[in-house]
Amino acid sequence: MTGSATVMESSEAATHTLTGPARTEQEEHLGTRRRRIFMQVMMVLGASLGHVGLAMVAAWPNSAVPDLRRHNSTIYGTTIALTTWQTDMLGSLVSVGNLPGTWLWGWMVASIGRKKAMMLLVLPYIVGWSFVALAVDPAMMLAGRMMHGICIGATFVSASTYIIELPDTSIRGAVATVPNLALSFGFIITIALGLVLRWYEIAFVGLAVIMLHTTVMAFLPESPSFLAIKGKRRKAKRILLKLRGPGADVDEELLKLCEENRDKAEKSLVKVLQDHTILRSLGTIITLFFIQNFCGLMVFYVNMTRIFLEAGSMLSEHVASILVFLVQAAGTVLACIYLDRIGRRVCLVLSLVVMTLCLAVMAVYHFCKDIAEREIEITTRNVTMVTEDVEDSWSTTTSSFTWVPLACLMLYMLISSVGVGPVPSLLNAEYFPAAVRAQLSGLNMVVGSVINFAALQLFTPMQSAFTTTGLYCFYAAVSVFGIVFTLACVKETKGKAVT
């Protein structure tokens, strides 16, 4: 018994001796991985400052239009007046500028590198914000918005390409939602600034943000994918070891990257477009951009304050818009958690289903609101004087349901941030090889810009033609189409390496 006990004690001691260092080694490995992932996230956050500047450009009409309605004066104190068509163009004209911005920066990203192309973003931003801030008439303001469009296209194509090539495959989906979080933050601060600043003063804040972004980019590394494709394998390997860890087999990653892109790099874009797989991917992304724009999402981004004004919300349109974009930011956090867990397709379908329900409720709300307004109009025609009781009844009836638009849009923006918001841009980068990623994603962005211009510029005409109720029904129908299309045509990229 004593001998047996001694053997057991020796065995336990040996086990303790073995598991102690093993556990320490495992803890060190976990600690190293956490530091490495933290570094990747910080790099992506730095690169995503450009998306904050982009969001300020996109959301600026939300603050500018109400301000111009109250105080239609310029920085010089002179009067400036915009027609309804020109007001719509404050949002839609950026889509026109998107076209040259996407093409030019798509070429720059492939030629001079992701990092340099992103640092050069400061030039169109300075020109655009200067035209807007110093505008003396609508033409000068719209010229600035045209330049803003170049900023949006350039930022999307350069930042999306850069950000998708930095993180590990296991966290790529989560990290790729960081730019969307930056967008939400940009929307919120732009509308919040509208509470305390004039429309032209916001421009100077936008300039400060993009200059900060340029400064941060100066300290970030070039994309290892770009360096490898350009034959700078030693430099690419050094950056990859820093990103993946000293124990990672980066030689295999570099070899696979070069092999996957060798043929594509030697081919012209026209020949690349003859590849049936590439064509199918292009068609899928373009259709997703159509769904993203005509399900109402991009219209809500640009016209949130107008939508709340028309819905008769009891809250200030600025406060209501800030609440909605705060919820959208929360949705982006959810996307960080679930995009790499349940996949892109599931997130898309889930978001489109809930968005369809929200749009249907908004349609019913506006339908009932229109009926109530017609009834009170008939009442005022049939009697010489409306009694106070009738007016009080009307006020009570309408105010009882003014929470509906806010609740619907909060839920809509929350769930869109999990799927329809980030996934099309994420797939636009994931679907294509690194050698032609910038050009093909840029091509998709060009077509997406045309679709975006149509969605924004047709907002008022479609509202007049279909009524607000009909417009929301149209958006809901597009969302239903999106569900069917996603299930039938969108392929999953979760866990697949980006080459």
Protein backbone atom coordinates (compact mmCIF):
# COMPACT_ATOMS: atom_id res chain seq x y z
CA MET A 1 0.00 0.00 0.00
CA THR A 2 2.81 2.36 0.92
CA GLY A 3 4.60 1.60 -2.38
CA SER A 4 1.38 2.13 -4.31
CA ALA A 5 0.78 5.46 -2.58
CA THR A 6 4.33 6.53 -3.35
CA VAL A 7 3.86 5.68 -7.05
CA MET A 8 0.60 7.66 -7.17
CA GLU A 9 2.22 10.66 -5.50
CA SER A 10 5.13 10.46 -7.94
CA SER A 11 2.65 10.21 -10.84
CA GLU A 12 0.68 13.24 -9.61
CA ALA A 13 3.89 15.21 -9.13
CA ALA A 14 4.99 14.31 -12.65
CA THR A 15 1.60 15.24 -14.04
CA HIS A 16 1.75 18.56 -12.21
CA THR A 17 5.27 19.11 -13.51
CA LEU A 18 4.12 18.46 -17.10
CA THR A 19 0.87 20.39 -17.04
CA GLY A 20 2.34 23.45 -15.32
CA PRO A 21 4.73 24.50 -18.13
CA ALA A 22 2.22 23.37 -20.78
CA ARG A 23 -0.43 25.59 -19.27
CA THR A 24 2.04 28.48 -19.05
CA GLU A 25 3.00 27.97 -22.70
CA GLN A 26 -0.65 27.92 -23.69
CA GLU A 27 -1.33 31.09 -21.71
CA GLU A 28 1.65 32.76 -23.37
CA HIS A 29 0.31 31.67 -26.78
CA LEU A 30 -3.13 33.10 -25.98
CA GLY A 31 -1.56 36.31 -24.70
CA THR A 32 0.52 36.67 -27.87
CA ARG A 33 -2.54 36.07 -30.07
CA ARG A 34 -4.59 38.63 -28.15
CA ARG A 35 -1.85 41.25 -28.52
CA ARG A 36 -1.57 40.44 -32.22
CA ILE A 37 -5.34 40.66 -32.77
CA PHE A 38 -5.43 43.90 -30.77
CA MET A 39 -2.73 45.33 -33.05
CA GLN A 40 -4.73 44.34 -36.15
CA VAL A 41 -7.87 45.96 -34.76
CA MET A 42 -5.98 49.16 -33.94
CA MET A 43 -4.58 49.28 -37.48
CA VAL A 44 -8.07 48.86 -38.90
CA LEU A 45 -9.40 51.55 -36.54
CA GLY A 46 -6.73 53.95 -37.79
CA ALA A 47 -7.58 53.20 -41.41
CA SER A 48 -11.30 53.54 -40.60
CA LEU A 49 -10.91 57.20 -39.63
CA GLY A 50 -11.43 57.77 -43.34
CA HIS A 51 -14.90 56.28 -42.94
CA VAL A 52 -15.68 58.82 -40.21
CA GLY A 53 -14.80 61.55 -42.72
CA LEU A 54 -16.87 59.75 -45.35
CA ALA A 55 -19.87 59.55 -43.01
CA MET A 56 -19.65 63.28 -42.32
CA VAL A 57 -19.79 63.89 -46.06
CA ALA A 58 -22.78 61.54 -46.52
CA ALA A 59 -24.74 62.74 -43.45
CA TRP A 60 -24.05 66.47 -43.92
CA PRO A 61 -27.46 67.10 -45.64
CA ASN A 62 -29.18 65.84 -42.47
CA SER A 63 -27.78 68.84 -40.59
CA ALA A 64 -27.54 71.30 -43.47
CA VAL A 65 -31.11 71.10 -44.85
CA PRO A 66 -32.96 71.92 -41.57
CA ASP A 67 -30.42 74.68 -40.86
CA LEU A 68 -30.88 76.20 -44.32
CA ARG A 69 -34.66 76.14 -43.85
CA ARG A 70 -34.37 78.07 -40.58
CA HIS A 71 -31.49 80.39 -41.46
CA ASN A 72 -30.77 80.48 -45.19
CA SER A 73 -27.53 82.43 -44.86
CA THR A 74 -23.92 81.76 -45.89
CA ILE A 75 -20.64 82.17 -44.00
CA TYR A 76 -20.58 85.74 -45.32
CA GLY A 77 -24.09 86.54 -44.03
CA THR A 78 -25.65 86.62 -47.52
CA THR A 79 -28.84 84.76 -48.44
CA ILE A 80 -28.79 81.37 -50.14
CA ALA A 81 -31.94 79.55 -51.28
CA LEU A 82 -32.25 76.00 -52.65
CA THR A 83 -35.16 74.55 -54.63
CA THR A 84 -36.58 71.12 -53.78
CA TRP A 85 -34.67 69.62 -56.71
CA GLN A 86 -31.41 71.20 -55.53
CA THR A 87 -32.07 69.95 -51.99
CA ASP A 88 -32.39 66.39 -53.33
CA MET A 89 -29.17 66.90 -55.27
CA LEU A 90 -27.27 67.64 -52.04
CA GLY A 91 -27.64 63.93 -51.37
CA SER A 92 -27.70 62.42 -54.85
CA LEU A 93 -24.95 64.43 -56.54
CA VAL A 94 -22.29 62.67 -54.49
CA SER A 95 -23.16 59.52 -56.42
CA VAL A 96 -22.15 61.23 -59.66
CA GLY A 97 -18.79 62.23 -58.18
CA ASN A 98 -18.44 58.65 -57.00
CA LEU A 99 -17.77 57.50 -60.57
CA PRO A 100 -14.46 59.30 -61.27
CA GLY A 101 -13.40 58.88 -57.63
CA THR A 102 -13.85 55.12 -57.75
CA TRP A 103 -12.08 54.69 -61.09
CA LEU A 104 -9.15 56.99 -60.28
CA TRP A 105 -8.51 55.60 -56.81
CA GLY A 106 -9.08 52.04 -58.01
CA TRP A 107 -6.18 52.56 -60.42
CA MET A 108 -4.07 54.24 -57.72
CA VAL A 109 -4.69 51.43 -55.21
CA ALA A 110 -3.45 48.88 -57.75
CA SER A 111 -0.53 51.04 -58.99
CA ILE A 112 0.99 52.99 -56.09
CA GLY A 113 -0.40 50.98 -53.19
CA ARG A 114 -3.27 50.98 -50.71
CA LYS A 115 -1.51 53.17 -48.13
CA LYS A 116 -0.40 55.97 -50.47
CA ALA A 117 -3.80 56.05 -52.17
CA MET A 118 -5.50 56.45 -48.77
CA MET A 119 -3.14 59.25 -47.75
CA LEU A 120 -3.93 61.14 -50.96
CA LEU A 121 -7.63 61.17 -49.98
CA VAL A 122 -6.94 64.42 -48.15
CA LEU A 123 -6.79 66.34 -51.46
CA PRO A 124 -10.40 65.88 -52.70
CA TYR A 125 -11.70 66.26 -49.14
CA ILE A 126 -10.00 69.66 -48.79
CA VAL A 127 -11.41 70.86 -52.12
CA GLY A 128 -14.92 69.52 -51.42
CA TRP A 129 -15.28 70.92 -47.90
CA SER A 130 -13.79 74.26 -48.98
CA PHE A 131 -16.36 74.65 -51.76
CA VAL A 132 -19.18 73.78 -49.36
CA ALA A 133 -18.03 75.99 -46.47
CA LEU A 134 -17.35 79.02 -48.68
CA ALA A 135 -20.38 78.59 -50.96
CA VAL A 136 -22.12 81.82 -51.96
CA ASP A 137 -24.81 80.18 -54.12
CA PRO A 138 -26.35 76.73 -54.74
CA ALA A 139 -24.06 76.08 -57.74
CA MET A 140 -20.90 76.38 -55.63
CA MET A 141 -22.42 74.22 -52.90
CA LEU A 142 -23.41 71.54 -55.41
CA ALA A 143 -19.91 71.65 -56.93
CA GLY A 144 -18.55 70.89 -53.47
CA ARG A 145 -20.98 68.00 -53.13
CA MET A 146 -19.80 66.68 -56.51
CA MET A 147 -16.25 66.69 -55.15
CA HIS A 148 -17.57 64.99 -52.01
CA GLY A 149 -18.72 62.17 -54.28
CA ILE A 150 -15.13 61.67 -55.42
CA CYS A 151 -14.19 61.44 -51.73
CA ILE A 152 -16.79 58.75 -51.05
CA GLY A 153 -15.85 56.58 -54.02
CA ALA A 154 -12.13 56.96 -53.35
CA THR A 155 -12.48 56.17 -49.63
CA PHE A 156 -14.59 53.07 -50.16
CA VAL A 157 -12.41 51.48 -52.84
CA SER A 158 -9.07 52.19 -51.12
CA ALA A 159 -10.04 51.57 -47.48
CA SER A 160 -12.11 48.45 -48.17
CA THR A 161 -9.24 46.86 -50.11
CA TYR A 162 -6.68 47.75 -47.43
CA ILE A 163 -8.76 46.68 -44.44
CA ILE A 164 -9.77 43.28 -45.85
CA GLU A 165 -6.10 42.34 -46.44
CA LEU A 166 -4.81 42.95 -42.90
CA PRO A 167 -6.65 40.70 -40.38
CA ASP A 168 -6.52 36.94 -39.78
CA THR A 169 -9.10 34.85 -41.67
CA SER A 170 -10.79 33.83 -38.40
CA ILE A 171 -11.66 37.43 -37.48
CA ARG A 172 -11.86 39.03 -40.93
CA GLY A 173 -15.65 39.36 -40.93
CA ALA A 174 -15.70 40.91 -37.46
CA VAL A 175 -12.85 43.33 -38.15
CA ALA A 176 -14.35 44.26 -41.52
CA THR A 177 -17.36 45.71 -39.68
CA VAL A 178 -15.15 48.26 -37.89
CA PRO A 179 -15.50 50.71 -40.84
CA ASN A 180 -19.27 50.44 -40.47
CA LEU A 181 -18.91 51.31 -36.80
CA ALA A 182 -16.84 54.32 -37.89
CA LEU A 183 -19.62 55.25 -40.33
CA SER A 184 -22.20 55.12 -37.53
CA PHE A 185 -19.99 57.31 -35.34
CA GLY A 186 -19.56 59.78 -38.20
CA PHE A 187 -23.32 59.97 -38.78
CA ILE A 188 -23.98 60.58 -35.09
CA ILE A 189 -21.41 63.34 -34.63
CA THR A 190 -22.51 65.08 -37.86
CA ILE A 191 -26.14 65.26 -36.74
CA ALA A 192 -25.10 66.18 -33.19
CA LEU A 193 -22.91 68.98 -34.58
CA GLY A 194 -25.99 70.24 -36.43
CA LEU A 195 -27.52 71.08 -33.03
CA VAL A 196 -24.74 73.56 -32.18
CA LEU A 197 -23.02 74.51 -35.45
CA ARG A 198 -24.12 76.10 -38.71
CA TRP A 199 -23.98 74.06 -41.92
CA TYR A 200 -20.76 75.70 -43.09
CA GLU A 201 -19.03 75.29 -39.70
CA ILE A 202 -19.46 71.51 -39.86
CA ALA A 203 -17.22 71.57 -42.94
CA PHE A 204 -14.21 72.61 -40.87
CA VAL A 205 -14.76 69.68 -38.48
CA GLY A 206 -14.86 67.38 -41.51
CA LEU A 207 -11.52 68.78 -42.68
CA ALA A 208 -9.96 68.17 -39.26
CA VAL A 209 -11.10 64.52 -39.27
CA ILE A 210 -9.61 63.73 -42.68
CA MET A 211 -6.32 65.42 -41.79
CA LEU A 212 -6.14 63.25 -38.65
CA HIS A 213 -6.75 60.19 -40.83
CA THR A 214 -3.88 61.15 -43.16
CA THR A 215 -1.55 61.58 -40.20
CA VAL A 216 -2.45 58.16 -38.75
CA MET A 217 -2.02 56.44 -42.13
CA ALA A 218 1.57 57.69 -42.29
CA PHE A 219 2.40 55.33 -39.38
CA LEU A 220 0.58 52.25 -40.73
CA PRO A 221 2.22 49.59 -42.95
CA GLU A 222 1.46 48.92 -46.60
CA SER A 223 -0.79 45.97 -47.41
CA PRO A 224 1.34 42.78 -47.56
CA SER A 225 -0.85 41.51 -50.41
CA PHE A 226 0.06 44.52 -52.56
CA LEU A 227 3.76 44.17 -51.73
CA ALA A 228 3.76 40.45 -52.58
CA ILE A 229 2.05 41.03 -55.93
CA LYS A 230 4.57 43.76 -56.76
CA GLY A 231 7.47 41.38 -56.07
CA LYS A 232 8.50 42.88 -52.72
CA ARG A 233 8.28 39.55 -50.90
CA ARG A 234 10.87 40.34 -48.22
CA LYS A 235 9.00 43.44 -47.08
CA ALA A 236 5.67 41.63 -47.36
CA LYS A 237 7.02 38.77 -45.22
CA ARG A 238 8.24 41.18 -42.53
CA ILE A 239 4.78 42.78 -42.28
CA LEU A 240 3.01 39.41 -42.34
CA LEU A 241 5.17 38.09 -39.50
CA LYS A 242 4.17 41.13 -37.49
CA LEU A 243 0.48 40.57 -38.31
CA ARG A 244 0.35 36.75 -38.05
CA GLY A 245 2.96 36.22 -35.33
CA PRO A 246 6.61 35.00 -35.45
CA GLY A 247 5.55 31.33 -35.41
CA ALA A 248 3.20 31.59 -38.41
CA ASP A 249 4.03 29.92 -41.73
CA VAL A 250 3.86 33.13 -43.77
CA ASP A 251 5.92 31.61 -46.61
CA GLU A 252 3.00 29.35 -47.48
CA GLU A 253 0.59 32.30 -47.33
CA LEU A 254 2.86 34.35 -49.61
CA LEU A 255 3.29 31.47 -52.06
CA LYS A 256 -0.47 30.89 -52.26
CA LEU A 257 -1.08 34.62 -52.67
CA CYS A 258 1.41 34.88 -55.56
CA GLU A 259 0.12 31.74 -57.28
CA GLU A 260 -3.52 32.83 -57.06
CA ASN A 261 -2.75 36.24 -58.52
CA ARG A 262 0.02 35.51 -61.05
CA ASP A 263 -2.35 34.83 -63.97
CA LYS A 264 -4.74 37.64 -63.04
CA ALA A 265 -1.91 40.17 -62.72
CA GLU A 266 -0.66 39.38 -66.23
CA LYS A 267 -4.10 39.63 -67.83
CA SER A 268 -5.81 42.85 -68.87
CA LEU A 269 -9.03 43.80 -67.11
CA VAL A 270 -11.00 42.96 -70.28
CA LYS A 271 -9.65 39.39 -70.28
CA VAL A 272 -10.29 39.02 -66.56
CA LEU A 273 -13.92 40.00 -67.16
CA GLN A 274 -14.28 37.06 -69.58
CA ASP A 275 -13.94 34.66 -66.65
CA HIS A 276 -17.43 33.28 -65.91
CA THR A 277 -16.72 33.05 -62.18
CA ILE A 278 -15.68 36.71 -62.09
CA LEU A 279 -18.76 37.74 -64.11
CA ARG A 280 -21.07 35.86 -61.75
CA SER A 281 -19.42 37.50 -58.74
CA LEU A 282 -19.80 40.93 -60.37
CA GLY A 283 -23.49 40.29 -61.04
CA THR A 284 -24.06 39.14 -57.46
CA ILE A 285 -22.39 42.21 -55.92
CA ILE A 286 -24.17 44.66 -58.24
CA THR A 287 -27.54 43.08 -57.41
CA LEU A 288 -26.74 43.34 -53.69
CA PHE A 289 -25.92 47.04 -54.17
CA PHE A 290 -29.30 47.47 -55.91
CA ILE A 291 -31.05 45.80 -52.97
CA GLN A 292 -29.05 47.88 -50.47
CA ASN A 293 -30.12 51.14 -52.16
CA PHE A 294 -33.70 50.39 -53.13
CA CYS A 295 -34.71 48.77 -49.84
CA GLY A 296 -34.53 52.34 -48.53
CA LEU A 297 -31.33 52.07 -46.50
CA MET A 298 -29.25 54.66 -48.33
CA VAL A 299 -32.23 57.02 -48.55
CA PHE A 300 -32.62 56.85 -44.77
CA TYR A 301 -28.92 57.56 -44.27
CA VAL A 302 -29.11 60.84 -46.18
CA ASN A 303 -32.70 61.96 -45.46
CA MET A 304 -33.30 60.80 -41.89
CA THR A 305 -34.26 64.23 -40.53
CA ARG A 306 -36.65 64.86 -43.47
CA ILE A 307 -38.31 61.48 -42.91
CA PHE A 308 -38.97 62.25 -39.25
CA LEU A 309 -40.36 65.68 -40.12
CA GLU A 310 -42.78 64.16 -42.65
CA ALA A 311 -43.78 61.37 -40.25
CA GLY A 312 -44.86 63.95 -37.65
CA SER A 313 -42.55 62.72 -34.90
CA MET A 314 -43.03 64.46 -31.56
CA LEU A 315 -39.27 64.39 -30.93
CA SER A 316 -36.88 66.86 -32.52
CA GLU A 317 -35.79 65.49 -35.90
CA HIS A 318 -32.14 65.82 -34.83
CA VAL A 319 -32.67 63.96 -31.56
CA ALA A 320 -34.67 61.21 -33.28
CA SER A 321 -31.97 60.84 -35.96
CA ILE A 322 -29.23 60.59 -33.32
CA LEU A 323 -31.20 57.86 -31.51
CA VAL A 324 -31.57 55.90 -34.74
CA PHE A 325 -27.87 56.11 -35.59
CA LEU A 326 -26.93 55.14 -32.02
CA VAL A 327 -29.00 52.01 -32.45
CA GLN A 328 -27.31 51.44 -35.81
CA ALA A 329 -23.94 51.56 -34.05
CA ALA A 330 -25.21 48.90 -31.64
CA GLY A 331 -26.19 46.81 -34.66
CA THR A 332 -22.67 47.13 -36.03
CA VAL A 333 -21.33 45.73 -32.74
CA LEU A 334 -23.66 42.76 -33.19
CA ALA A 335 -22.30 42.33 -36.72
CA CYS A 336 -18.78 42.15 -35.28
CA ILE A 337 -19.91 39.21 -33.16
CA TYR A 338 -22.08 37.26 -35.60
CA LEU A 339 -20.68 37.76 -39.13
CA ASP A 340 -17.88 35.26 -38.48
CA ARG A 341 -20.08 32.95 -36.40
CA ILE A 342 -23.24 32.45 -38.46
CA GLY A 343 -21.96 33.67 -41.84
CA ARG A 344 -22.71 36.42 -44.35
CA ARG A 345 -25.73 34.75 -46.00
CA VAL A 346 -27.61 34.15 -42.75
CA CYS A 347 -26.96 37.72 -41.60
CA LEU A 348 -28.25 39.07 -44.94
CA VAL A 349 -31.44 37.02 -44.87
CA LEU A 350 -32.13 37.78 -41.21
CA SER A 351 -31.71 41.52 -41.70
CA LEU A 352 -33.88 41.59 -44.85
CA VAL A 353 -36.71 39.70 -43.14
CA VAL A 354 -36.88 42.13 -40.21
CA MET A 355 -36.42 45.17 -42.50
CA THR A 356 -39.39 43.98 -44.60
CA LEU A 357 -41.58 43.88 -41.48
CA CYS A 358 -40.45 47.37 -40.39
CA LEU A 359 -41.15 48.84 -43.84
CA ALA A 360 -44.58 47.18 -43.90
CA VAL A 361 -45.44 48.75 -40.53
CA MET A 362 -44.22 52.16 -41.76
CA ALA A 363 -46.46 51.79 -44.83
CA VAL A 364 -49.47 50.99 -42.65
CA TYR A 365 -48.66 53.94 -40.34
CA HIS A 366 -48.53 56.43 -43.23
CA PHE A 367 -51.66 54.92 -44.77
CA CYS A 368 -53.60 55.47 -41.52
CA LYS A 369 -52.05 58.93 -41.12
CA ASP A 370 -53.16 59.92 -44.63
CA ILE A 371 -56.72 58.71 -43.95
CA ALA A 372 -56.86 60.68 -40.69
CA GLU A 373 -55.58 63.82 -42.43
CA ARG A 374 -58.19 63.48 -45.20
CA GLU A 375 -60.96 63.05 -42.64
CA ILE A 376 -59.98 66.20 -40.74
CA GLU A 377 -59.71 68.06 -44.06
CA ILE A 378 -63.24 66.99 -45.00
CA THR A 379 -64.45 68.06 -41.56
CA THR A 380 -62.95 71.51 -41.93
CA ARG A 381 -64.63 71.92 -45.32
CA ASN A 382 -68.09 70.88 -44.11
CA VAL A 383 -68.24 73.10 -41.07
CA THR A 384 -67.54 76.78 -40.88
CA MET A 385 -65.48 76.41 -37.74
CA VAL A 386 -63.80 73.34 -36.25
CA THR A 387 -64.60 72.98 -32.60
CA GLU A 388 -61.85 72.68 -30.04
CA ASP A 389 -63.09 69.14 -29.23
CA VAL A 390 -62.49 68.00 -32.82
CA GLU A 391 -58.99 69.55 -32.84
CA ASP A 392 -58.13 67.96 -29.48
CA SER A 393 -59.40 64.59 -30.72
CA TRP A 394 -57.28 64.89 -33.87
CA SER A 395 -54.20 65.88 -31.86
CA THR A 396 -54.66 63.00 -29.41
CA THR A 397 -55.23 60.44 -32.17
CA THR A 398 -52.14 61.38 -34.14
CA SER A 399 -49.81 61.89 -31.18
CA SER A 400 -50.71 58.45 -29.80
CA PHE A 401 -48.86 56.75 -32.65
CA THR A 402 -46.00 59.13 -33.45
CA TRP A 403 -43.65 56.69 -31.68
CA VAL A 404 -44.17 54.21 -34.54
CA PRO A 405 -41.74 55.82 -37.08
CA LEU A 406 -39.04 56.12 -34.44
CA ALA A 407 -39.46 52.53 -33.24
CA CYS A 408 -39.56 51.14 -36.79
CA LEU A 409 -36.54 53.07 -38.00
CA MET A 410 -34.55 52.21 -34.88
CA LEU A 411 -35.22 48.50 -35.41
CA TYR A 412 -34.66 48.87 -39.18
CA MET A 413 -31.26 50.52 -38.74
CA LEU A 414 -30.25 48.09 -35.97
CA ILE A 415 -30.90 45.00 -38.06
CA SER A 416 -29.60 46.51 -41.33
CA SER A 417 -26.23 47.00 -39.63
CA VAL A 418 -25.99 43.24 -39.13
CA GLY A 419 -26.52 42.33 -42.80
CA VAL A 420 -27.58 44.65 -45.62
CA GLY A 421 -25.31 47.47 -44.46
CA PRO A 422 -21.88 45.79 -44.20
CA VAL A 423 -22.19 42.56 -46.19
CA PRO A 424 -22.31 43.89 -49.81
CA SER A 425 -19.10 45.91 -49.28
CA LEU A 426 -17.48 42.99 -47.43
CA LEU A 427 -18.28 40.54 -50.24
CA ASN A 428 -17.17 43.13 -52.80
CA ALA A 429 -13.66 42.76 -51.40
CA GLU A 430 -13.77 39.04 -50.55
CA TYR A 431 -15.05 37.74 -53.89
CA PHE A 432 -12.06 38.84 -56.01
CA PRO A 433 -8.31 37.95 -56.13
CA ALA A 434 -5.90 40.54 -54.73
CA ALA A 435 -4.32 41.32 -58.14
CA VAL A 436 -7.62 42.63 -59.54
CA ARG A 437 -9.48 43.32 -56.29
CA ALA A 438 -9.18 47.10 -56.47
CA GLN A 439 -10.22 47.29 -60.14
CA LEU A 440 -13.18 44.90 -59.88
CA SER A 441 -14.44 46.24 -56.57
CA GLY A 442 -14.03 49.71 -58.08
CA LEU A 443 -16.09 48.65 -61.09
CA ASN A 444 -18.83 47.45 -58.74
CA MET A 445 -18.61 50.73 -56.85
CA VAL A 446 -19.11 52.66 -60.10
CA VAL A 447 -22.29 50.74 -60.91
CA GLY A 448 -23.33 51.00 -57.28
CA SER A 449 -22.86 54.76 -57.46
CA VAL A 450 -25.24 55.00 -60.42
CA ILE A 451 -27.78 52.93 -58.48
CA ASN A 452 -27.23 55.11 -55.40
CA PHE A 453 -27.73 58.29 -57.45
CA ALA A 454 -30.98 56.90 -58.83
CA ALA A 455 -32.26 55.88 -55.38
CA LEU A 456 -31.52 59.28 -53.82
CA GLN A 457 -32.58 61.49 -56.73
CA LEU A 458 -35.81 59.52 -57.25
CA PHE A 459 -36.76 59.71 -53.56
CA THR A 460 -38.99 62.79 -53.92
CA PRO A 461 -40.45 61.87 -57.37
CA MET A 462 -41.26 58.33 -56.22
CA GLN A 463 -42.81 59.69 -53.04
CA SER A 464 -45.01 62.00 -55.14
CA ALA A 465 -45.94 59.26 -57.63
CA PHE A 466 -46.50 56.37 -55.20
CA THR A 467 -47.37 58.39 -52.05
CA THR A 468 -45.29 57.75 -48.93
CA THR A 469 -47.28 54.57 -48.27
CA GLY A 470 -46.57 53.22 -51.74
CA LEU A 471 -42.88 54.10 -51.46
CA TYR A 472 -42.49 52.05 -48.29
CA CYS A 473 -44.36 49.17 -49.95
CA PHE A 474 -41.88 49.37 -52.84
CA TYR A 475 -38.93 49.25 -50.43
CA ALA A 476 -40.50 46.25 -48.69
CA ALA A 477 -40.95 44.44 -52.03
CA VAL A 478 -37.26 44.99 -52.86
CA SER A 479 -36.36 43.54 -49.45
CA VAL A 480 -38.42 40.41 -50.21
CA PHE A 481 -36.61 40.08 -53.54
CA GLY A 482 -33.34 40.40 -51.61
CA ILE A 483 -34.25 37.43 -49.41
CA VAL A 484 -34.92 35.20 -52.43
CA PHE A 485 -31.79 36.40 -54.26
CA THR A 486 -29.53 35.82 -51.25
CA LEU A 487 -30.76 32.28 -50.74
CA ALA A 488 -30.38 31.48 -54.45
CA CYS A 489 -27.21 33.30 -55.53
CA VAL A 490 -24.98 34.54 -52.68
CA LYS A 491 -22.12 32.20 -51.78
CA GLU A 492 -20.72 32.04 -48.26
CA THR A 493 -17.17 33.33 -47.61
CA LYS A 494 -16.99 32.78 -43.85
CA GLY A 495 -13.66 31.23 -42.86
CA LYS A 496 -12.22 31.30 -46.39
CA ALA A 497 -8.80 32.86 -46.94
CA VAL A 498 -8.59 36.06 -48.97
CA THR A 499 -6.07 35.66 -51.79
